Amino acid sequence: QFDARPLQGTYPTNWWRTGEVVSDEVALPLTEVTTGRYMLAVGLYDRRGDRLPAVDAHQMAIPDGRLILEDWISIPVR
């Protein structure tokens, strides 16, 4: 797990407009990860650390508020 503020904290979520797409790039430290294939998931948390609810493009609730990304990553043998 890797936690970071969106856009390094420069654009707080309370400034976001409904329907706005906010893109961010995050460098994940993977040096401690063992060889294998992994799925990535993203989620947002409130100030208390509770995960926020999320919905898909059809306004259906996403289980556990985690959006699972389509692309998997592979960590090669080192």
PDB file of N, CA and C in Angstrom:
ATOM      1  N   GLN A   1       0.848  -1.174   0.000  1.00  0.00           N
ATOM      2  CA  GLN A   1       0.000   0.000   0.000  1.00  0.00           C
ATOM      3  C   GLN A   1       0.887   1.227   0.000  1.00  0.00           C
ATOM      4  N   PHE A   2       0.454   2.242  -0.738  1.00  0.00           N
ATOM      5  CA  PHE A   2       1.186   3.505  -0.816  1.00  0.00           C
ATOM      6  C   PHE A   2       0.165   4.623  -0.758  1.00  0.00           C
ATOM      7  N   ASP A   3       0.297   5.501   0.201  1.00  0.00           N
ATOM      8  CA  ASP A   3      -0.650   6.601   0.350  1.00  0.00           C
ATOM      9  C   ASP A   3       0.013   7.919  -0.029  1.00  0.00           C
ATOM     10  N   ALA A   4      -0.728   8.744  -0.752  1.00  0.00           N
ATOM     11  CA  ALA A   4      -0.229  10.061  -1.149  1.00  0.00           C
ATOM     12  C   ALA A   4      -1.414  10.995  -1.350  1.00  0.00           C
ATOM     13  N   ARG A   5      -1.189  12.265  -1.168  1.00  0.00           N
ATOM     14  CA  ARG A   5      -2.233  13.251  -1.434  1.00  0.00           C
ATOM     15  C   ARG A   5      -2.286  13.519  -2.934  1.00  0.00           C
ATOM     16  N   PRO A   6      -3.498  13.667  -3.484  1.00  0.00           N
ATOM     17  CA  PRO A   6      -3.607  13.959  -4.919  1.00  0.00           C
ATOM     18  C   PRO A   6      -2.816  15.215  -5.294  1.00  0.00           C
ATOM     19  N   LEU A   7      -2.076  15.117  -6.380  1.00  0.00           N
ATOM     20  CA  LEU A   7      -1.277  16.222  -6.907  1.00  0.00           C
ATOM     21  C   LEU A   7      -0.384  16.836  -5.829  1.00  0.00           C
ATOM     22  N   GLN A   8       0.197  15.984  -5.014  1.00  0.00           N
ATOM     23  CA  GLN A   8       1.096  16.376  -3.920  1.00  0.00           C
ATOM     24  C   GLN A   8       0.481  17.445  -3.018  1.00  0.00           C
ATOM     25  N   GLY A   9      -0.837  17.397  -2.856  1.00  0.00           N
ATOM     26  CA  GLY A   9      -1.531  18.320  -1.974  1.00  0.00           C
ATOM     27  C   GLY A   9      -1.768  19.707  -2.540  1.00  0.00           C
ATOM     28  N   THR A  10      -1.446  19.909  -3.829  1.00  0.00           N
ATOM     29  CA  THR A  10      -1.585  21.249  -4.416  1.00  0.00           C
ATOM     30  C   THR A  10      -2.992  21.559  -4.909  1.00  0.00           C
ATOM     31  N   TYR A  11      -3.852  20.540  -5.007  1.00  0.00           N
ATOM     32  CA  TYR A  11      -5.216  20.744  -5.502  1.00  0.00           C
ATOM     33  C   TYR A  11      -6.144  19.895  -4.638  1.00  0.00           C
ATOM     34  N   PRO A  12      -6.520  20.395  -3.453  1.00  0.00           N
ATOM     35  CA  PRO A  12      -7.327  19.608  -2.512  1.00  0.00           C
ATOM     36  C   PRO A  12      -8.643  19.137  -3.116  1.00  0.00           C
ATOM     37  N   THR A  13      -9.107  17.990  -2.662  1.00  0.00           N
ATOM     38  CA  THR A  13     -10.332  17.401  -3.217  1.00  0.00           C
ATOM     39  C   THR A  13     -11.560  18.275  -2.994  1.00  0.00           C
ATOM     40  N   ASN A  14     -11.572  19.104  -1.959  1.00  0.00           N
ATOM     41  CA  ASN A  14     -12.745  19.971  -1.760  1.00  0.00           C
ATOM     42  C   ASN A  14     -12.818  21.089  -2.797  1.00  0.00           C
ATOM     43  N   TRP A  15     -11.795  21.245  -3.622  1.00  0.00           N
ATOM     44  CA  TRP A  15     -11.831  22.194  -4.743  1.00  0.00           C
ATOM     45  C   TRP A  15     -12.365  21.531  -6.014  1.00  0.00           C
ATOM     46  N   TRP A  16     -12.398  20.198  -6.056  1.00  0.00           N
ATOM     47  CA  TRP A  16     -12.813  19.490  -7.263  1.00  0.00           C
ATOM     48  C   TRP A  16     -14.285  19.755  -7.548  1.00  0.00           C
ATOM     49  N   ARG A  17     -14.610  19.872  -8.845  1.00  0.00           N
ATOM     50  CA  ARG A  17     -15.997  20.046  -9.271  1.00  0.00           C
ATOM     51  C   ARG A  17     -16.586  18.688  -9.640  1.00  0.00           C
ATOM     52  N   THR A  18     -17.888  18.546  -9.465  1.00  0.00           N
ATOM     53  CA  THR A  18     -18.580  17.313  -9.837  1.00  0.00           C
ATOM     54  C   THR A  18     -18.316  17.015 -11.309  1.00  0.00           C
ATOM     55  N   GLY A  19     -17.901  15.794 -11.612  1.00  0.00           N
ATOM     56  CA  GLY A  19     -17.634  15.384 -12.989  1.00  0.00           C
ATOM     57  C   GLY A  19     -16.251  15.741 -13.490  1.00  0.00           C
ATOM     58  N   GLU A  20     -15.502  16.497 -12.731  1.00  0.00           N
ATOM     59  CA  GLU A  20     -14.156  16.892 -13.156  1.00  0.00           C
ATOM     60  C   GLU A  20     -13.228  15.676 -13.136  1.00  0.00           C
ATOM     61  N   VAL A  21     -12.374  15.576 -14.132  1.00  0.00           N
ATOM     62  CA  VAL A  21     -11.363  14.525 -14.177  1.00  0.00           C
ATOM     63  C   VAL A  21     -10.058  15.125 -13.671  1.00  0.00           C
ATOM     64  N   VAL A  22      -9.508  14.529 -12.647  1.00  0.00           N
ATOM     65  CA  VAL A  22      -8.245  14.990 -12.074  1.00  0.00           C
ATOM     66  C   VAL A  22      -7.223  13.880 -12.277  1.00  0.00           C
ATOM     67  N   SER A  23      -6.202  14.154 -13.065  1.00  0.00           N
ATOM     68  CA  SER A  23      -5.160  13.159 -13.352  1.00  0.00           C
ATOM     69  C   SER A  23      -3.953  13.418 -12.468  1.00  0.00           C
ATOM     70  N   ASP A  24      -3.317  12.346 -12.057  1.00  0.00           N
ATOM     71  CA  ASP A  24      -2.140  12.455 -11.208  1.00  0.00           C
ATOM     72  C   ASP A  24      -1.194  11.308 -11.546  1.00  0.00           C
ATOM     73  N   GLU A  25       0.077  11.543 -11.392  1.00  0.00           N
ATOM     74  CA  GLU A  25       1.078  10.491 -11.564  1.00  0.00           C
ATOM     75  C   GLU A  25       1.719  10.237 -10.213  1.00  0.00           C
ATOM     76  N   VAL A  26       1.870   8.966  -9.884  1.00  0.00           N
ATOM     77  CA  VAL A  26       2.463   8.580  -8.605  1.00  0.00           C
ATOM     78  C   VAL A  26       3.551   7.553  -8.874  1.00  0.00           C
ATOM     79  N   ALA A  27       4.724   7.790  -8.322  1.00  0.00           N
ATOM     80  CA  ALA A  27       5.816   6.821  -8.425  1.00  0.00           C
ATOM     81  C   ALA A  27       5.700   5.867  -7.235  1.00  0.00           C
ATOM     82  N   LEU A  28       5.474   4.599  -7.523  1.00  0.00           N
ATOM     83  CA  LEU A  28       5.322   3.599  -6.465  1.00  0.00           C
ATOM     84  C   LEU A  28       6.666   2.951  -6.157  1.00  0.00           C
ATOM     85  N   PRO A  29       7.083   2.966  -4.902  1.00  0.00           N
ATOM     86  CA  PRO A  29       8.331   2.288  -4.548  1.00  0.00           C
ATOM     87  C   PRO A  29       8.104   0.771  -4.537  1.00  0.00           C
ATOM     88  N   LEU A  30       8.769   0.068  -5.437  1.00  0.00           N
ATOM     89  CA  LEU A  30       8.540  -1.374  -5.581  1.00  0.00           C
ATOM     90  C   LEU A  30       9.763  -2.211  -5.232  1.00  0.00           C
ATOM     91  N   THR A  31      10.756  -1.613  -4.616  1.00  0.00           N
ATOM     92  CA  THR A  31      11.995  -2.349  -4.331  1.00  0.00           C
ATOM     93  C   THR A  31      11.787  -3.512  -3.369  1.00  0.00           C
ATOM     94  N   GLU A  32      10.789  -3.438  -2.510  1.00  0.00           N
ATOM     95  CA  GLU A  32      10.538  -4.497  -1.529  1.00  0.00           C
ATOM     96  C   GLU A  32       9.519  -5.533  -2.023  1.00  0.00           C
ATOM     97  N   VAL A  33       9.004  -5.359  -3.240  1.00  0.00           N
ATOM     98  CA  VAL A  33       7.959  -6.238  -3.766  1.00  0.00           C
ATOM     99  C   VAL A  33       8.600  -7.461  -4.412  1.00  0.00           C
ATOM    100  N   THR A  34       8.067  -8.645  -4.105  1.00  0.00           N
ATOM    101  CA  THR A  34       8.616  -9.873  -4.668  1.00  0.00           C
ATOM    102  C   THR A  34       8.155 -10.072  -6.110  1.00  0.00           C
ATOM    103  N   THR A  35       8.855 -10.936  -6.817  1.00  0.00           N
ATOM    104  CA  THR A  35       8.536 -11.261  -8.201  1.00  0.00           C
ATOM    105  C   THR A  35       7.088 -11.736  -8.321  1.00  0.00           C
ATOM    106  N   GLY A  36       6.406 -11.281  -9.361  1.00  0.00           N
ATOM    107  CA  GLY A  36       5.027 -11.711  -9.582  1.00  0.00           C
ATOM    108  C   GLY A  36       4.221 -10.674 -10.340  1.00  0.00           C
ATOM    109  N   ARG A  37       2.938 -10.984 -10.521  1.00  0.00           N
ATOM    110  CA  ARG A  37       2.005 -10.063 -11.185  1.00  0.00           C
ATOM    111  C   ARG A  37       1.066  -9.497 -10.132  1.00  0.00           C
ATOM    112  N   TYR A  38       0.811  -8.212 -10.244  1.00  0.00           N
ATOM    113  CA  TYR A  38      -0.002  -7.536  -9.237  1.00  0.00           C
ATOM    114  C   TYR A  38      -1.050  -6.648  -9.894  1.00  0.00           C
ATOM    115  N   MET A  39      -2.215  -6.586  -9.252  1.00  0.00           N
ATOM    116  CA  MET A  39      -3.213  -5.629  -9.702  1.00  0.00           C
ATOM    117  C   MET A  39      -3.061  -4.378  -8.850  1.00  0.00           C
ATOM    118  N   LEU A  40      -3.459  -3.262  -9.420  1.00  0.00           N
ATOM    119  CA  LEU A  40      -3.408  -1.994  -8.704  1.00  0.00           C
ATOM    120  C   LEU A  40      -4.823  -1.515  -8.437  1.00  0.00           C
ATOM    121  N   ALA A  41      -5.028  -0.923  -7.295  1.00  0.00           N
ATOM    122  CA  ALA A  41      -6.328  -0.363  -6.937  1.00  0.00           C
ATOM    123  C   ALA A  41      -6.100   1.018  -6.337  1.00  0.00           C
ATOM    124  N   VAL A  42      -7.057   1.897  -6.542  1.00  0.00           N
ATOM    125  CA  VAL A  42      -6.974   3.240  -5.965  1.00  0.00           C
ATOM    126  C   VAL A  42      -8.240   3.527  -5.172  1.00  0.00           C
ATOM    127  N   GLY A  43      -8.097   4.354  -4.186  1.00  0.00           N
ATOM    128  CA  GLY A  43      -9.228   4.788  -3.375  1.00  0.00           C
ATOM    129  C   GLY A  43      -8.881   6.104  -2.709  1.00  0.00           C
ATOM    130  N   LEU A  44      -9.893   6.802  -2.259  1.00  0.00           N
ATOM    131  CA  LEU A  44      -9.688   8.074  -1.570  1.00  0.00           C
ATOM    132  C   LEU A  44     -10.185   7.952  -0.138  1.00  0.00           C
ATOM    133  N   TYR A  45      -9.565   8.692   0.745  1.00  0.00           N
ATOM    134  CA  TYR A  45      -9.903   8.669   2.166  1.00  0.00           C
ATOM    135  C   TYR A  45     -10.242  10.075   2.645  1.00  0.00           C
ATOM    136  N   ASP A  46     -11.092  10.143   3.664  1.00  0.00           N
ATOM    137  CA  ASP A  46     -11.381  11.445   4.257  1.00  0.00           C
ATOM    138  C   ASP A  46     -10.334  11.758   5.326  1.00  0.00           C
ATOM    139  N   ARG A  47     -10.480  12.893   5.981  1.00  0.00           N
ATOM    140  CA  ARG A  47      -9.491  13.326   6.981  1.00  0.00           C
ATOM    141  C   ARG A  47      -9.345  12.343   8.144  1.00  0.00           C
ATOM    142  N   ARG A  48     -10.411  11.607   8.449  1.00  0.00           N
ATOM    143  CA  ARG A  48     -10.365  10.645   9.554  1.00  0.00           C
ATOM    144  C   ARG A  48      -9.688   9.335   9.150  1.00  0.00           C
ATOM    145  N   GLY A  49      -9.435   9.165   7.855  1.00  0.00           N
ATOM    146  CA  GLY A  49      -8.848   7.920   7.375  1.00  0.00           C
ATOM    147  C   GLY A  49      -9.862   6.907   6.911  1.00  0.00           C
ATOM    148  N   ASP A  50     -11.143   7.302   6.851  1.00  0.00           N
ATOM    149  CA  ASP A  50     -12.189   6.407   6.346  1.00  0.00           C
ATOM    150  C   ASP A  50     -12.232   6.485   4.825  1.00  0.00           C
ATOM    151  N   ARG A  51     -12.333   5.315   4.179  1.00  0.00           N
ATOM    152  CA  ARG A  51     -12.384   5.298   2.719  1.00  0.00           C
ATOM    153  C   ARG A  51     -13.695   5.906   2.244  1.00  0.00           C
ATOM    154  N   LEU A  52     -13.593   6.752   1.226  1.00  0.00           N
ATOM    155  CA  LEU A  52     -14.774   7.386   0.653  1.00  0.00           C
ATOM    156  C   LEU A  52     -15.468   6.436  -0.310  1.00  0.00           C
ATOM    157  N   PRO A  53     -16.790   6.548  -0.439  1.00  0.00           N
ATOM    158  CA  PRO A  53     -17.492   5.719  -1.420  1.00  0.00           C
ATOM    159  C   PRO A  53     -17.106   6.142  -2.833  1.00  0.00           C
ATOM    160  N   ALA A  54     -17.195   5.208  -3.751  1.00  0.00           N
ATOM    161  CA  ALA A  54     -16.884   5.486  -5.156  1.00  0.00           C
ATOM    162  C   ALA A  54     -17.960   4.852  -6.025  1.00  0.00           C
ATOM    163  N   VAL A  55     -18.198   5.454  -7.183  1.00  0.00           N
ATOM    164  CA  VAL A  55     -19.161   4.918  -8.144  1.00  0.00           C
ATOM    165  C   VAL A  55     -18.499   4.818  -9.508  1.00  0.00           C
ATOM    166  N   ASP A  56     -19.029   3.912 -10.344  1.00  0.00           N
ATOM    167  CA  ASP A  56     -18.502   3.765 -11.697  1.00  0.00           C
ATOM    168  C   ASP A  56     -19.207   4.738 -12.643  1.00  0.00           C
ATOM    169  N   ALA A  57     -18.926   4.619 -13.928  1.00  0.00           N
ATOM    170  CA  ALA A  57     -19.494   5.522 -14.935  1.00  0.00           C
ATOM    171  C   ALA A  57     -21.010   5.429 -15.020  1.00  0.00           C
ATOM    172  N   HIS A  58     -21.581   4.332 -14.512  1.00  0.00           N
ATOM    173  CA  HIS A  58     -23.039   4.144 -14.532  1.00  0.00           C
ATOM    174  C   HIS A  58     -23.664   4.469 -13.176  1.00  0.00           C
ATOM    175  N   GLN A  59     -22.880   5.121 -12.314  1.00  0.00           N
ATOM    176  CA  GLN A  59     -23.323   5.516 -10.973  1.00  0.00           C
ATOM    177  C   GLN A  59     -23.637   4.321 -10.065  1.00  0.00           C
ATOM    178  N   MET A  60     -23.032   3.176 -10.358  1.00  0.00           N
ATOM    179  CA  MET A  60     -23.173   1.994  -9.511  1.00  0.00           C
ATOM    180  C   MET A  60     -22.041   2.007  -8.474  1.00  0.00           C
ATOM    181  N   ALA A  61     -22.379   1.668  -7.247  1.00  0.00           N
ATOM    182  CA  ALA A  61     -21.377   1.670  -6.174  1.00  0.00           C
ATOM    183  C   ALA A  61     -20.265   0.666  -6.467  1.00  0.00           C
ATOM    184  N   ILE A  62     -19.043   1.076  -6.219  1.00  0.00           N
ATOM    185  CA  ILE A  62     -17.887   0.202  -6.370  1.00  0.00           C
ATOM    186  C   ILE A  62     -17.619  -0.425  -5.003  1.00  0.00           C
ATOM    187  N   PRO A  63     -17.589  -1.770  -4.927  1.00  0.00           N
ATOM    188  CA  PRO A  63     -17.380  -2.437  -3.639  1.00  0.00           C
ATOM    189  C   PRO A  63     -16.128  -1.926  -2.922  1.00  0.00           C
ATOM    190  N   ASP A  64     -16.268  -1.666  -1.658  1.00  0.00           N
ATOM    191  CA  ASP A  64     -15.170  -1.245  -0.789  1.00  0.00           C
ATOM    192  C   ASP A  64     -14.575   0.106  -1.196  1.00  0.00           C
ATOM    193  N   GLY A  65     -15.183   0.809  -2.160  1.00  0.00           N
ATOM    194  CA  GLY A  65     -14.684   2.115  -2.568  1.00  0.00           C
ATOM    195  C   GLY A  65     -13.343   2.077  -3.266  1.00  0.00           C
ATOM    196  N   ARG A  66     -12.919   0.877  -3.697  1.00  0.00           N
ATOM    197  CA  ARG A  66     -11.627   0.729  -4.383  1.00  0.00           C
ATOM    198  C   ARG A  66     -11.854   0.518  -5.866  1.00  0.00           C
ATOM    199  N   LEU A  67     -11.247   1.356  -6.672  1.00  0.00           N
ATOM    200  CA  LEU A  67     -11.295   1.190  -8.120  1.00  0.00           C
ATOM    201  C   LEU A  67     -10.098   0.338  -8.521  1.00  0.00           C
ATOM    202  N   ILE A  68     -10.369  -0.847  -9.064  1.00  0.00           N
ATOM    203  CA  ILE A  68      -9.291  -1.740  -9.495  1.00  0.00           C
ATOM    204  C   ILE A  68      -8.952  -1.402 -10.939  1.00  0.00           C
ATOM    205  N   LEU A  69      -7.697  -1.077 -11.184  1.00  0.00           N
ATOM    206  CA  LEU A  69      -7.255  -0.681 -12.518  1.00  0.00           C
ATOM    207  C   LEU A  69      -7.157  -1.896 -13.422  1.00  0.00           C
ATOM    208  N   GLU A  70      -7.383  -1.665 -14.714  1.00  0.00           N
ATOM    209  CA  GLU A  70      -7.400  -2.770 -15.683  1.00  0.00           C
ATOM    210  C   GLU A  70      -6.019  -3.355 -15.933  1.00  0.00           C
ATOM    211  N   ASP A  71      -4.990  -2.519 -15.932  1.00  0.00           N
ATOM    212  CA  ASP A  71      -3.641  -2.995 -16.225  1.00  0.00           C
ATOM    213  C   ASP A  71      -3.003  -3.608 -14.983  1.00  0.00           C
ATOM    214  N   TRP A  72      -2.376  -4.747 -15.164  1.00  0.00           N
ATOM    215  CA  TRP A  72      -1.617  -5.388 -14.097  1.00  0.00           C
ATOM    216  C   TRP A  72      -0.163  -4.978 -14.257  1.00  0.00           C
ATOM    217  N   ILE A  73       0.598  -5.072 -13.188  1.00  0.00           N
ATOM    218  CA  ILE A  73       2.030  -4.828 -13.309  1.00  0.00           C
ATOM    219  C   ILE A  73       2.759  -6.132 -13.007  1.00  0.00           C
ATOM    220  N   SER A  74       3.906  -6.293 -13.641  1.00  0.00           N
ATOM    221  CA  SER A  74       4.730  -7.483 -13.426  1.00  0.00           C
ATOM    222  C   SER A  74       6.064  -7.056 -12.838  1.00  0.00           C
ATOM    223  N   ILE A  75       6.469  -7.740 -11.790  1.00  0.00           N
ATOM    224  CA  ILE A  75       7.780  -7.516 -11.186  1.00  0.00           C
ATOM    225  C   ILE A  75       8.654  -8.689 -11.620  1.00  0.00           C
ATOM    226  N   PRO A  76       9.710  -8.404 -12.402  1.00  0.00           N
ATOM    227  CA  PRO A  76      10.551  -9.493 -12.905  1.00  0.00           C
ATOM    228  C   PRO A  76      11.464 -10.061 -11.817  1.00  0.00           C
ATOM    229  N   VAL A  77      12.040 -11.220 -12.115  1.00  0.00           N
ATOM    230  CA  VAL A  77      13.031 -11.830 -11.234  1.00  0.00           C
ATOM    231  C   VAL A  77      14.235 -10.901 -11.180  1.00  0.00           C
ATOM    232  N   ARG A  78      14.748 -10.687  -9.994  1.00  0.00           N
ATOM    233  CA  ARG A  78      15.921  -9.792  -9.844  1.00  0.00           C
ATOM    234  C   ARG A  78      17.144 -10.582  -9.488  1.00  0.00           C
TER     235      ARG A  78
END
